[in-house]
C-alpha atoms as a PDB file:
ATOM      1  CA  MET A   1      -2.717 227.858 292.776  1.00  0.00           C
ATOM      2  CA  ALA A   2      -3.284 225.121 295.309  1.00  0.00           C
ATOM      3  CA  SER A   3      -0.411 222.711 295.770  1.00  0.00           C
ATOM      4  CA  LYS A   4      -1.012 219.319 294.268  1.00  0.00           C
ATOM      5  CA  GLU A   5      -1.071 216.329 296.573  1.00  0.00           C
ATOM      6  CA  PHE A   6       1.329 213.643 295.347  1.00  0.00           C
ATOM      7  CA  SER A   7       1.211 210.006 296.311  1.00  0.00           C
ATOM      8  CA  VAL A   8       4.992 209.456 296.114  1.00  0.00           C
ATOM      9  CA  VAL A   9       6.813 212.805 295.761  1.00  0.00           C
ATOM     10  CA  GLY A  10       7.363 214.332 299.177  1.00  0.00           C
ATOM     11  CA  LYS A  11       6.344 211.154 300.964  1.00  0.00           C
ATOM     12  CA  LYS A  12       8.454 208.753 302.954  1.00  0.00           C
ATOM     13  CA  THR A  13       9.110 205.544 301.045  1.00  0.00           C
ATOM     14  CA  PRO A  14       9.881 202.777 303.510  1.00  0.00           C
ATOM     15  CA  ARG A  15      11.996 199.912 302.255  1.00  0.00           C
ATOM     16  CA  ILE A  16       9.626 196.972 302.009  1.00  0.00           C
ATOM     17  CA  ASP A  17      12.144 194.422 303.301  1.00  0.00           C
ATOM     18  CA  ALA A  18      13.660 196.609 306.032  1.00  0.00           C
ATOM     19  CA  TYR A  19      11.646 195.177 308.928  1.00  0.00           C
ATOM     20  CA  GLU A  20      12.561 191.580 308.101  1.00  0.00           C
ATOM     21  CA  ARG A  21      16.237 192.463 307.733  1.00  0.00           C
ATOM     22  CA  VAL A  22      16.669 194.475 310.939  1.00  0.00           C
ATOM     23  CA  THR A  23      14.643 192.059 313.068  1.00  0.00           C
ATOM     24  CA  GLY A  24      16.493 189.002 311.822  1.00  0.00           C
ATOM     25  CA  GLN A  25      13.393 187.483 310.226  1.00  0.00           C
ATOM     26  CA  ALA A  26      14.839 187.640 306.710  1.00  0.00           C
ATOM     27  CA  GLN A  27      15.809 184.165 305.551  1.00  0.00           C
ATOM     28  CA  TYR A  28      19.089 184.084 303.666  1.00  0.00           C
ATOM     29  CA  THR A  29      20.246 181.031 301.733  1.00  0.00           C
ATOM     30  CA  GLY A  30      22.561 180.004 304.561  1.00  0.00           C
ATOM     31  CA  ASP A  31      19.607 179.981 306.977  1.00  0.00           C
ATOM     32  CA  ILE A  32      17.645 177.376 305.025  1.00  0.00           C
ATOM     33  CA  GLN A  33      17.570 173.891 306.546  1.00  0.00           C
ATOM     34  CA  LEU A  34      15.940 170.953 304.764  1.00  0.00           C
ATOM     35  CA  PRO A  35      15.227 167.436 306.087  1.00  0.00           C
ATOM     36  CA  ASP A  36      18.137 164.981 305.519  1.00  0.00           C
ATOM     37  CA  MET A  37      20.312 167.826 304.241  1.00  0.00           C
ATOM     38  CA  LEU A  38      23.996 167.109 303.626  1.00  0.00           C
ATOM     39  CA  TYR A  39      26.884 169.552 303.825  1.00  0.00           C
ATOM     40  CA  ALA A  40      29.618 169.968 301.234  1.00  0.00           C
ATOM     41  CA  ARG A  41      33.183 171.239 301.301  1.00  0.00           C
ATOM     42  CA  VAL A  42      35.664 171.814 298.477  1.00  0.00           C
ATOM     43  CA  LEU A  43      39.284 170.682 298.182  1.00  0.00           C
ATOM     44  CA  ARG A  44      41.327 173.328 296.376  1.00  0.00           C
ATOM     45  CA  SER A  45      44.654 173.244 294.615  1.00  0.00           C
ATOM     46  CA  ALA A  46      47.712 174.282 296.600  1.00  0.00           C
ATOM     47  CA  TYR A  47      49.655 174.813 293.365  1.00  0.00           C
ATOM     48  CA  PRO A  48      49.349 177.635 290.819  1.00  0.00           C
ATOM     49  CA  HIS A  49      49.740 175.264 287.863  1.00  0.00           C
ATOM     50  CA  ALA A  50      49.754 171.473 287.975  1.00  0.00           C
ATOM     51  CA  LYS A  51      48.373 168.396 286.272  1.00  0.00           C
ATOM     52  CA  VAL A  52      46.377 166.020 288.459  1.00  0.00           C
ATOM     53  CA  ILE A  53      47.891 162.566 287.923  1.00  0.00           C
ATOM     54  CA  SER A  54      45.730 160.566 290.329  1.00  0.00           C
ATOM     55  CA  ILE A  55      43.189 160.996 293.123  1.00  0.00           C
ATOM     56  CA  ASP A  56      42.650 158.415 295.865  1.00  0.00           C
ATOM     57  CA  THR A  57      39.389 159.031 297.730  1.00  0.00           C
ATOM     58  CA  SER A  58      39.118 155.616 299.410  1.00  0.00           C
ATOM     59  CA  ARG A  59      40.015 156.843 302.901  1.00  0.00           C
ATOM     60  CA  ALA A  60      37.633 159.785 302.623  1.00  0.00           C
ATOM     61  CA  GLU A  61      34.783 157.563 301.399  1.00  0.00           C
ATOM     62  CA  LYS A  62      35.271 155.183 304.350  1.00  0.00           C
ATOM     63  CA  LEU A  63      34.939 157.999 306.895  1.00  0.00           C
ATOM     64  CA  PRO A  64      31.587 157.544 308.702  1.00  0.00           C
ATOM     65  CA  GLY A  65      29.126 160.173 307.543  1.00  0.00           C
ATOM     66  CA  VAL A  66      30.622 160.764 304.094  1.00  0.00           C
ATOM     67  CA  LYS A  67      28.030 160.231 301.361  1.00  0.00           C
ATOM     68  CA  ALA A  68      29.767 161.237 298.115  1.00  0.00           C
ATOM     69  CA  VAL A  69      33.065 162.465 296.694  1.00  0.00           C
ATOM     70  CA  ILE A  70      33.387 164.042 293.254  1.00  0.00           C
ATOM     71  CA  HIS A  71      36.560 165.284 291.574  1.00  0.00           C
ATOM     72  CA  CYS A  72      38.211 166.220 288.294  1.00  0.00           C
ATOM     73  CA  LEU A  73      38.832 162.607 287.265  1.00  0.00           C
ATOM     74  CA  ASN A  74      35.266 161.323 287.748  1.00  0.00           C
ATOM     75  CA  THR A  75      33.115 164.412 287.153  1.00  0.00           C
ATOM     76  CA  GLN A  76      33.250 166.601 284.061  1.00  0.00           C
ATOM     77  CA  VAL A  77      30.518 169.199 284.255  1.00  0.00           C
ATOM     78  CA  PRO A  78      31.052 172.347 282.170  1.00  0.00           C
ATOM     79  CA  TRP A  79      30.782 175.741 283.818  1.00  0.00           C
ATOM     80  CA  SER A  80      29.860 177.874 280.836  1.00  0.00           C
ATOM     81  CA  SER A  81      29.578 181.182 282.703  1.00  0.00           C
ATOM     82  CA  GLY A  82      32.972 180.560 284.315  1.00  0.00           C
ATOM     83  CA  GLY A  83      35.076 181.330 281.257  1.00  0.00           C
ATOM     84  CA  HIS A  84      34.916 182.620 277.692  1.00  0.00           C
ATOM     85  CA  THR A  85      38.288 181.924 276.100  1.00  0.00           C
ATOM     86  CA  HIS A  86      38.567 178.195 276.756  1.00  0.00           C
ATOM     87  CA  LYS A  87      36.163 175.657 278.164  1.00  0.00           C
ATOM     88  CA  ARG A  88      35.997 175.640 281.937  1.00  0.00           C
ATOM     89  CA  TYR A  89      34.637 172.911 284.185  1.00  0.00           C
ATOM     90  CA  ILE A  90      33.660 172.785 287.840  1.00  0.00           C
ATOM     91  CA  PHE A  91      36.876 170.771 288.277  1.00  0.00           C
ATOM     92  CA  ASN A  92      39.695 171.488 285.833  1.00  0.00           C
ATOM     93  CA  ASN A  93      42.759 169.471 284.943  1.00  0.00           C
ATOM     94  CA  PRO A  94      45.320 170.934 284.897  1.00  0.00           C
ATOM     95  CA  VAL A  95      44.582 173.250 287.800  1.00  0.00           C
ATOM     96  CA  ARG A  96      45.634 176.778 286.916  1.00  0.00           C
ATOM     97  CA  TYR A  97      45.695 178.766 290.172  1.00  0.00           C
ATOM     98  CA  VAL A  98      45.947 178.290 293.923  1.00  0.00           C
ATOM     99  CA  GLY A  99      42.316 177.739 294.905  1.00  0.00           C
ATOM    100  CA  ASP A 100      41.186 175.983 291.715  1.00  0.00           C
ATOM    101  CA  PRO A 101      38.692 173.285 292.851  1.00  0.00           C
ATOM    102  CA  VAL A 102      39.966 169.712 292.717  1.00  0.00           C
ATOM    103  CA  ALA A 103      37.278 167.749 294.592  1.00  0.00           C
ATOM    104  CA  ALA A 104      34.121 168.156 296.674  1.00  0.00           C
ATOM    105  CA  VAL A 105      32.721 166.056 299.513  1.00  0.00           C
ATOM    106  CA  ALA A 106      29.154 165.714 300.807  1.00  0.00           C
ATOM    107  CA  ALA A 107      28.690 164.474 304.382  1.00  0.00           C
ATOM    108  CA  ILE A 108      26.152 164.513 307.200  1.00  0.00           C
ATOM    109  CA  ASP A 109      27.759 167.611 308.723  1.00  0.00           C
ATOM    110  CA  ARG A 110      30.318 170.197 307.669  1.00  0.00           C
ATOM    111  CA  TYR A 111      32.941 168.989 310.133  1.00  0.00           C
ATOM    112  CA  ILE A 112      32.977 165.472 308.722  1.00  0.00           C
ATOM    113  CA  ALA A 113      33.103 166.940 305.216  1.00  0.00           C
ATOM    114  CA  GLU A 114      36.092 169.059 306.241  1.00  0.00           C
ATOM    115  CA  ASP A 115      37.847 166.062 307.807  1.00  0.00           C
ATOM    116  CA  ALA A 116      37.240 164.049 304.639  1.00  0.00           C
ATOM    117  CA  LEU A 117      39.084 166.623 302.537  1.00  0.00           C
ATOM    118  CA  GLY A 118      42.225 165.872 304.514  1.00  0.00           C
ATOM    119  CA  LEU A 119      41.920 162.180 303.637  1.00  0.00           C
ATOM    120  CA  ILE A 120      41.882 162.717 299.874  1.00  0.00           C
ATOM    121  CA  GLU A 121      45.272 161.930 298.337  1.00  0.00           C
ATOM    122  CA  VAL A 122      46.082 163.863 295.168  1.00  0.00           C
ATOM    123  CA  LYS A 123      49.222 163.338 293.100  1.00  0.00           C
ATOM    124  CA  TYR A 124      50.240 166.356 291.037  1.00  0.00           C
ATOM    125  CA  GLU A 125      52.757 166.992 288.315  1.00  0.00           C
ATOM    126  CA  LYS A 126      53.848 170.573 288.902  1.00  0.00           C
ATOM    127  CA  LEU A 127      53.916 172.765 285.805  1.00  0.00           C
ATOM    128  CA  PRO A 128      55.704 176.079 285.165  1.00  0.00           C
ATOM    129  CA  HIS A 129      53.617 179.056 286.239  1.00  0.00           C
ATOM    130  CA  VAL A 130      53.517 182.815 285.820  1.00  0.00           C
ATOM    131  CA  LEU A 131      51.830 185.281 288.178  1.00  0.00           C
ATOM    132  CA  ASP A 132      52.706 188.653 286.656  1.00  0.00           C
ATOM    133  CA  ALA A 133      50.759 189.859 283.618  1.00  0.00           C
ATOM    134  CA  LYS A 134      53.733 191.546 281.924  1.00  0.00           C
ATOM    135  CA  GLU A 135      55.831 188.423 282.408  1.00  0.00           C
ATOM    136  CA  ALA A 136      52.989 186.335 280.955  1.00  0.00           C
ATOM    137  CA  LEU A 137      53.232 188.259 277.667  1.00  0.00           C
ATOM    138  CA  LYS A 138      56.868 187.308 277.115  1.00  0.00           C
ATOM    139  CA  PRO A 139      57.463 184.694 274.367  1.00  0.00           C
ATOM    140  CA  ASP A 140      59.064 182.217 276.772  1.00  0.00           C
ATOM    141  CA  ALA A 141      56.341 182.501 279.444  1.00  0.00           C
ATOM    142  CA  PRO A 142      54.521 179.311 280.526  1.00  0.00           C
ATOM    143  CA  LYS A 143      51.430 178.774 278.397  1.00  0.00           C
ATOM    144  CA  ILE A 144      48.239 178.893 280.468  1.00  0.00           C
ATOM    145  CA  ALA A 145      45.398 178.909 277.938  1.00  0.00           C
ATOM    146  CA  PRO A 146      45.306 176.693 274.822  1.00  0.00           C
ATOM    147  CA  ASN A 147      45.656 179.744 272.580  1.00  0.00           C
ATOM    148  CA  GLY A 148      48.345 181.440 274.659  1.00  0.00           C
ATOM    149  CA  ASN A 149      48.342 184.003 277.422  1.00  0.00           C
ATOM    150  CA  LEU A 150      46.798 186.920 275.549  1.00  0.00           C
ATOM    151  CA  SER A 151      43.139 186.473 276.401  1.00  0.00           C
ATOM    152  CA  VAL A 152      41.342 186.591 273.060  1.00  0.00           C
ATOM    153  CA  GLY A 153      37.589 186.853 272.857  1.00  0.00           C
ATOM    154  CA  SER A 154      34.705 186.939 275.304  1.00  0.00           C
ATOM    155  CA  GLY A 155      30.967 187.389 275.208  1.00  0.00           C
ATOM    156  CA  SER A 156      31.158 190.976 273.982  1.00  0.00           C
ATOM    157  CA  PHE A 157      34.801 191.981 273.632  1.00  0.00           C
ATOM    158  CA  SER A 158      37.850 190.758 271.755  1.00  0.00           C
ATOM    159  CA  ALA A 159      41.476 191.289 272.655  1.00  0.00           C
ATOM    160  CA  PRO A 160      43.356 193.459 272.262  1.00  0.00           C
ATOM    161  CA  ILE A 161      40.545 195.893 273.101  1.00  0.00           C
ATOM    162  CA  THR A 162      40.808 199.091 271.091  1.00  0.00           C
ATOM    163  CA  GLU A 163      38.845 202.327 270.941  1.00  0.00           C
ATOM    164  CA  GLN A 164      39.627 205.615 269.223  1.00  0.00           C
ATOM    165  CA  TRP A 165      38.127 208.943 268.185  1.00  0.00           C
ATOM    166  CA  GLY A 166      39.585 212.250 267.085  1.00  0.00           C
ATOM    167  CA  ASP A 167      43.323 212.709 266.500  1.00  0.00           C
ATOM    168  CA  VAL A 168      45.461 212.230 269.623  1.00  0.00           C
ATOM    169  CA  GLU A 169      48.675 213.507 267.991  1.00  0.00           C
ATOM    170  CA  LYS A 170      46.906 216.720 267.010  1.00  0.00           C
ATOM    171  CA  GLY A 171      45.526 216.974 270.547  1.00  0.00           C
ATOM    172  CA  PHE A 172      48.982 216.631 272.107  1.00  0.00           C
ATOM    173  CA  LYS A 173      50.331 219.400 269.834  1.00  0.00           C
ATOM    174  CA  GLU A 174      47.506 221.681 270.991  1.00  0.00           C
ATOM    175  CA  ALA A 175      48.277 221.019 274.660  1.00  0.00           C
ATOM    176  CA  ASP A 176      50.262 223.401 276.874  1.00  0.00           C
ATOM    177  CA  ARG A 177      51.555 220.440 278.880  1.00  0.00           C
ATOM    178  CA  VAL A 178      51.690 216.704 278.291  1.00  0.00           C
ATOM    179  CA  PHE A 179      51.777 214.315 281.248  1.00  0.00           C
ATOM    180  CA  ASP A 180      53.109 210.797 280.818  1.00  0.00           C
ATOM    181  CA  ASP A 181      52.913 208.277 283.655  1.00  0.00           C
ATOM    182  CA  THR A 182      52.022 204.730 284.683  1.00  0.00           C
ATOM    183  CA  TYR A 183      49.432 203.750 287.290  1.00  0.00           C
ATOM    184  CA  ILE A 184      48.880 200.426 289.015  1.00  0.00           C
ATOM    185  CA  SER A 185      45.600 199.000 290.328  1.00  0.00           C
ATOM    186  CA  LYS A 186      45.557 195.819 292.403  1.00  0.00           C
ATOM    187  CA  HIS A 187      43.269 192.799 292.425  1.00  0.00           C
ATOM    188  CA  VAL A 188      40.469 193.512 294.891  1.00  0.00           C
ATOM    189  CA  ASN A 189      38.004 190.958 296.226  1.00  0.00           C
ATOM    190  CA  ASN A 190      34.324 191.931 296.360  1.00  0.00           C
ATOM    191  CA  ALA A 191      34.278 190.932 300.059  1.00  0.00           C
ATOM    192  CA  GLN A 192      30.493 190.943 300.369  1.00  0.00           C
ATOM    193  CA  LEU A 193      29.211 190.386 303.917  1.00  0.00           C
ATOM    194  CA  GLU A 194      27.351 187.187 303.016  1.00  0.00           C
ATOM    195  CA  ARG A 195      29.700 184.416 301.985  1.00  0.00           C
ATOM    196  CA  ARG A 196      28.785 182.404 298.921  1.00  0.00           C
ATOM    197  CA  VAL A 197      26.317 179.605 299.526  1.00  0.00           C
ATOM    198  CA  SER A 198      24.198 177.206 297.487  1.00  0.00           C
ATOM    199  CA  LEU A 199      21.635 174.560 298.383  1.00  0.00           C
ATOM    200  CA  ALA A 200      20.378 172.046 295.808  1.00  0.00           C
ATOM    201  CA  LYS A 201      17.499 169.571 295.968  1.00  0.00           C
ATOM    202  CA  TRP A 202      16.102 167.208 293.334  1.00  0.00           C
ATOM    203  CA  ASP A 203      12.454 166.204 293.139  1.00  0.00           C
ATOM    204  CA  GLY A 204      12.357 163.512 290.492  1.00  0.00           C
ATOM    205  CA  GLY A 205      13.796 165.149 287.398  1.00  0.00           C
ATOM    206  CA  LYS A 206      13.267 168.694 288.683  1.00  0.00           C
ATOM    207  CA  LEU A 207      16.044 170.671 290.353  1.00  0.00           C
ATOM    208  CA  THR A 208      15.652 173.519 292.843  1.00  0.00           C
ATOM    209  CA  VAL A 209      18.697 175.591 293.769  1.00  0.00           C
ATOM    210  CA  TRP A 210      18.572 178.120 296.585  1.00  0.00           C
ATOM    211  CA  ALA A 211      21.401 180.506 295.769  1.00  0.00           C
ATOM    212  CA  SER A 212      22.891 183.759 296.938  1.00  0.00           C
ATOM    213  CA  THR A 213      22.592 185.442 293.569  1.00  0.00           C
ATOM    214  CA  GLN A 214      21.878 188.810 291.992  1.00  0.00           C
ATOM    215  CA  GLY A 215      20.752 187.122 288.790  1.00  0.00           C
ATOM    216  CA  VAL A 216      18.101 184.479 289.437  1.00  0.00           C
ATOM    217  CA  SER A 217      17.169 184.214 285.761  1.00  0.00           C
ATOM    218  CA  ASN A 218      20.806 184.152 284.632  1.00  0.00           C
ATOM    219  CA  ALA A 219      21.683 181.452 287.159  1.00  0.00           C
ATOM    220  CA  ARG A 220      18.671 179.360 286.157  1.00  0.00           C
ATOM    221  CA  ALA A 221      19.589 179.495 282.476  1.00  0.00           C
ATOM    222  CA  ASP A 222      23.252 178.708 283.195  1.00  0.00           C
ATOM    223  CA  ILE A 223      22.439 175.706 285.406  1.00  0.00           C
ATOM    224  CA  ALA A 224      19.983 174.283 282.875  1.00  0.00           C
ATOM    225  CA  LYS A 225      22.546 174.636 280.083  1.00  0.00           C
ATOM    226  CA  ASP A 226      25.468 173.123 281.999  1.00  0.00           C
ATOM    227  CA  LEU A 227      23.471 170.177 283.376  1.00  0.00           C
ATOM    228  CA  ASP A 228      21.729 169.626 280.018  1.00  0.00           C
ATOM    229  CA  LEU A 229      18.266 170.123 281.502  1.00  0.00           C
ATOM    230  CA  PRO A 230      15.174 171.788 280.044  1.00  0.00           C
ATOM    231  CA  LEU A 231      14.746 175.248 281.536  1.00  0.00           C
ATOM    232  CA  SER A 232      11.342 174.146 282.832  1.00  0.00           C
ATOM    233  CA  LYS A 233      13.075 171.570 285.046  1.00  0.00           C
ATOM    234  CA  VAL A 234      15.221 174.133 286.906  1.00  0.00           C
ATOM    235  CA  ARG A 235      14.126 176.553 289.612  1.00  0.00           C
ATOM    236  CA  VAL A 236      16.438 179.065 291.309  1.00  0.00           C
ATOM    237  CA  VAL A 237      15.371 180.836 294.504  1.00  0.00           C
ATOM    238  CA  CYS A 238      16.972 183.780 296.302  1.00  0.00           C
ATOM    239  CA  LYS A 239      14.844 185.278 299.052  1.00  0.00           C
ATOM    240  CA  TYR A 240      17.462 187.628 300.471  1.00  0.00           C
ATOM    241  CA  MET A 241      21.082 188.313 299.565  1.00  0.00           C
ATOM    242  CA  GLY A 242      23.784 189.832 301.752  1.00  0.00           C
ATOM    243  CA  ALA A 243      25.443 191.836 298.951  1.00  0.00           C
ATOM    244  CA  GLY A 244      27.185 190.817 295.764  1.00  0.00           C
ATOM    245  CA  PHE A 245      28.688 193.987 294.240  1.00  0.00           C
ATOM    246  CA  GLY A 246      28.295 192.717 290.692  1.00  0.00           C
ATOM    247  CA  ASN A 247      29.907 189.346 291.319  1.00  0.00           C
ATOM    248  CA  LYS A 248      26.911 187.093 292.001  1.00  0.00           C
ATOM    249  CA  ASN A 249      25.129 187.571 288.715  1.00  0.00           C
ATOM    250  CA  GLN A 250      25.406 184.093 287.158  1.00  0.00           C
ATOM    251  CA  ALA A 251      25.554 180.443 288.123  1.00  0.00           C
ATOM    252  CA  GLN A 252      28.763 179.641 289.969  1.00  0.00           C
ATOM    253  CA  ASP A 253      30.748 176.416 290.093  1.00  0.00           C
ATOM    254  CA  TYR A 254      29.478 175.645 293.586  1.00  0.00           C
ATOM    255  CA  ASP A 255      25.845 175.776 292.373  1.00  0.00           C
ATOM    256  CA  LEU A 256      26.698 172.985 289.951  1.00  0.00           C
ATOM    257  CA  MET A 257      28.650 171.048 292.585  1.00  0.00           C
ATOM    258  CA  THR A 258      25.692 170.997 294.976  1.00  0.00           C
ATOM    259  CA  ALA A 259      23.375 169.902 292.158  1.00  0.00           C
ATOM    260  CA  VAL A 260      25.671 167.012 291.190  1.00  0.00           C
ATOM    261  CA  LEU A 261      26.185 165.898 294.795  1.00  0.00           C
ATOM    262  CA  ALA A 262      22.442 166.090 295.487  1.00  0.00           C
ATOM    263  CA  LYS A 263      21.755 163.948 292.416  1.00  0.00           C
ATOM    264  CA  ILE A 264      24.290 161.305 293.484  1.00  0.00           C
ATOM    265  CA  THR A 265      23.134 161.104 297.104  1.00  0.00           C
ATOM    266  CA  GLY A 266      19.409 161.633 296.590  1.00  0.00           C
ATOM    267  CA  GLN A 267      19.521 164.204 299.408  1.00  0.00           C
ATOM    268  CA  PRO A 268      19.618 168.010 299.544  1.00  0.00           C
ATOM    269  CA  VAL A 269      23.181 169.352 299.663  1.00  0.00           C
ATOM    270  CA  LYS A 270      24.333 172.736 300.963  1.00  0.00           C
ATOM    271  CA  LEU A 271      27.752 174.230 300.238  1.00  0.00           C
ATOM    272  CA  GLU A 272      28.657 177.350 302.190  1.00  0.00           C
ATOM    273  CA  PHE A 273      32.006 179.012 301.605  1.00  0.00           C
ATOM    274  CA  THR A 274      34.436 180.008 304.298  1.00  0.00           C
ATOM    275  CA  ARG A 275      35.887 183.477 303.954  1.00  0.00           C
ATOM    276  CA  GLU A 276      39.078 181.838 302.663  1.00  0.00           C
ATOM    277  CA  ASP A 277      37.029 180.103 299.952  1.00  0.00           C
ATOM    278  CA  ASP A 278      35.558 183.458 299.025  1.00  0.00           C
ATOM    279  CA  PHE A 279      38.972 185.045 298.606  1.00  0.00           C
ATOM    280  CA  ILE A 280      40.963 182.295 296.868  1.00  0.00           C
ATOM    281  CA  GLY A 281      38.159 180.455 295.075  1.00  0.00           C
ATOM    282  CA  MET A 282      36.088 183.264 293.581  1.00  0.00           C
ATOM    283  CA  HIS A 283      36.543 186.350 291.505  1.00  0.00           C
ATOM    284  CA  GLY A 284      37.572 189.926 292.194  1.00  0.00           C
ATOM    285  CA  ARG A 285      38.334 193.051 290.200  1.00  0.00           C
ATOM    286  CA  TRP A 286      41.200 192.585 287.757  1.00  0.00           C
ATOM    287  CA  SER A 287      44.517 194.243 288.494  1.00  0.00           C
ATOM    288  CA  SER A 288      46.022 196.471 285.847  1.00  0.00           C
ATOM    289  CA  GLU A 289      49.027 198.471 284.744  1.00  0.00           C
ATOM    290  CA  GLN A 290      47.808 201.605 282.952  1.00  0.00           C
ATOM    291  CA  HIS A 291      50.119 203.898 281.018  1.00  0.00           C
ATOM    292  CA  TYR A 292      48.547 207.292 280.331  1.00  0.00           C
ATOM    293  CA  LYS A 293      49.663 210.136 278.116  1.00  0.00           C
ATOM    294  CA  ILE A 294      47.444 213.165 278.734  1.00  0.00           C
ATOM    295  CA  GLY A 295      47.533 216.572 277.051  1.00  0.00           C
ATOM    296  CA  VAL A 296      46.050 219.592 278.869  1.00  0.00           C
ATOM    297  CA  LYS A 297      45.732 223.336 278.378  1.00  0.00           C
ATOM    298  CA  LYS A 298      46.586 225.874 281.096  1.00  0.00           C
ATOM    299  CA  ASP A 299      42.905 226.296 281.924  1.00  0.00           C
ATOM    300  CA  GLY A 300      42.616 222.559 282.692  1.00  0.00           C
ATOM    301  CA  THR A 301      40.966 221.525 279.441  1.00  0.00           C
ATOM    302  CA  ILE A 302      41.995 218.042 278.338  1.00  0.00           C
ATOM    303  CA  THR A 303      43.037 217.977 274.687  1.00  0.00           C
ATOM    304  CA  ALA A 304      43.966 214.297 274.278  1.00  0.00           C
ATOM    305  CA  VAL A 305      44.299 211.023 276.173  1.00  0.00           C
ATOM    306  CA  GLU A 306      46.200 207.918 275.092  1.00  0.00           C
ATOM    307  CA  LEU A 307      45.854 204.788 277.240  1.00  0.00           C
ATOM    308  CA  ASP A 308      47.970 201.651 276.877  1.00  0.00           C
ATOM    309  CA  ALA A 309      47.233 199.024 279.523  1.00  0.00           C
ATOM    310  CA  ILE A 310      47.573 195.406 280.570  1.00  0.00           C
ATOM    311  CA  THR A 311      44.845 193.788 282.661  1.00  0.00           C
ATOM    312  CA  ASN A 312      45.361 190.571 284.608  1.00  0.00           C
ATOM    313  CA  MET A 313      42.426 188.234 283.976  1.00  0.00           C
ATOM    314  CA  GLY A 314      43.784 185.350 286.023  1.00  0.00           C
ATOM    315  CA  ALA A 315      43.623 181.737 284.908  1.00  0.00           C
ATOM    316  CA  TYR A 316      40.352 182.027 282.964  1.00  0.00           C
ATOM    317  CA  ARG A 317      38.623 184.931 281.297  1.00  0.00           C
ATOM    318  CA  LYS A 318      35.194 185.467 282.807  1.00  0.00           C
ATOM    319  CA  GLN A 319      34.821 189.159 281.992  1.00  0.00           C
ATOM    320  CA  SER A 320      36.149 191.578 279.409  1.00  0.00           C
ATOM    321  CA  GLY A 321      39.224 193.002 281.135  1.00  0.00           C
ATOM    322  CA  ASN A 322      38.315 196.405 279.735  1.00  0.00           C
ATOM    323  CA  LEU A 323      39.197 199.833 281.112  1.00  0.00           C
ATOM    324  CA  SER A 324      37.197 202.928 280.314  1.00  0.00           C
ATOM    325  CA  GLY A 325      39.622 205.825 280.634  1.00  0.00           C
ATOM    326  CA  THR A 326      36.975 208.390 279.659  1.00  0.00           C
ATOM    327  CA  ASP A 327      34.166 208.227 282.200  1.00  0.00           C
ATOM    328  CA  PHE A 328      34.706 211.499 284.063  1.00  0.00           C
ATOM    329  CA  TYR A 329      35.821 213.988 281.415  1.00  0.00           C
ATOM    330  CA  GLU A 330      34.883 215.241 277.964  1.00  0.00           C
ATOM    331  CA  ILE A 331      37.824 214.186 275.808  1.00  0.00           C
ATOM    332  CA  PRO A 332      37.914 215.296 272.141  1.00  0.00           C
ATOM    333  CA  ASN A 333      40.811 213.030 271.133  1.00  0.00           C
ATOM    334  CA  PHE A 334      41.155 209.566 272.595  1.00  0.00           C
ATOM    335  CA  LYS A 335      42.965 206.307 271.843  1.00  0.00           C
ATOM    336  CA  LYS A 336      43.308 203.151 273.897  1.00  0.00           C
ATOM    337  CA  LEU A 337      44.799 199.682 273.664  1.00  0.00           C
ATOM    338  CA  ILE A 338      43.971 197.125 276.386  1.00  0.00           C
ATOM    339  CA  ASN A 339      45.642 193.713 276.552  1.00  0.00           C
ATOM    340  CA  PRO A 340      43.779 191.275 278.850  1.00  0.00           C
ATOM    341  CA  VAL A 341      46.280 188.607 279.903  1.00  0.00           C
ATOM    342  CA  HIS A 342      46.054 185.167 281.505  1.00  0.00           C
ATOM    343  CA  THR A 343      48.185 184.371 284.568  1.00  0.00           C
ATOM    344  CA  ASN A 344      48.156 181.583 287.157  1.00  0.00           C
ATOM    345  CA  THR A 345      46.155 183.667 289.622  1.00  0.00           C
ATOM    346  CA  VAL A 346      42.561 183.793 290.818  1.00  0.00           C
ATOM    347  CA  VAL A 347      40.095 184.739 288.094  1.00  0.00           C
ATOM    348  CA  ALA A 348      39.020 188.352 287.620  1.00  0.00           C
ATOM    349  CA  ALA A 349      35.425 189.435 286.974  1.00  0.00           C
ATOM    350  CA  ASN A 350      32.763 191.975 287.909  1.00  0.00           C
ATOM    351  CA  TYR A 351      33.410 194.403 290.749  1.00  0.00           C
ATOM    352  CA  ARG A 352      30.503 196.681 291.753  1.00  0.00           C
ATOM    353  CA  ALA A 353      29.253 196.926 288.161  1.00  0.00           C
ATOM    354  CA  PRO A 354      29.843 195.009 284.930  1.00  0.00           C
ATOM    355  CA  ALA A 355      32.843 195.590 282.678  1.00  0.00           C
ATOM    356  CA  TYR A 356      34.921 198.397 284.195  1.00  0.00           C
ATOM    357  CA  PRO A 357      37.349 198.698 287.105  1.00  0.00           C
ATOM    358  CA  GLN A 358      38.338 202.155 288.252  1.00  0.00           C
ATOM    359  CA  SER A 359      40.463 204.155 285.856  1.00  0.00           C
ATOM    360  CA  VAL A 360      40.872 207.826 284.995  1.00  0.00           C
END
């Protein structure tokens, strides 16, 4: 029988964007330059928990080259994809973690914008804070969210998160050995090569946002919702992206900041993060403390797994805080209880893929 000639199987499949990437012809969001474009920078909280009492921007506004200053006392734009358990804005008051945005400046170049940040005078009332998730669950812990520190509810999960099948007690009795131990995973930043960047431009009542995003459609819908615009009036463009690892899938606060600043100034505005901004101002995988009880037979067969864990969601809950505990093994008897908890730390969210950090 003559071998069949296939058009794909057995053939080389060149990556269609490889040439542009390796030759430097690929245009990333940070490469885009528009006429009369302004540059933005963000002032971030130096305190883990504080109420903003007053903001004096007069010196910053008088700096030659500064075109606009927005902050938590003059700009209330919701950031709906930024949190599920309580309403989150692009600027929040009180601030709830070191790195929480307080103000943003648009200027004719990034250096003037950076200098202007140093001229903004913010008066804070420091509030009690808690950084450790177990400490945050104590009755006398500082209250971070309106409903307390146990993070209840999200788009698809509620807390505590529970899952069960079989009979774990029966499984432990059938085991030859039962292992009981606690494991710790740390907060990890996505650390994608391309820093976060957004460029916004208005044309009449229509908004175009060039974004470094994995989810163009998601970002478009989020921006339209948060700015109260018809979807037909919003366009989101991402030609190339320098990695995201699950964490660039929706509109971010900086997309909304550039849109607001561009509307105020009547000029395109670009906001490009520093690496410090990326680490303290954006999300990473949630840390966790996972207590496992695992029953096994002498031949290595797992008879039962019980998982009791706390996950640190940071100041706002953007993702579920769930742990799987079952991905790599066939487990006949399983029970888990996950408590996602708020602390005064940077927010946790997707890392590599939605919903789950690494666990057994």
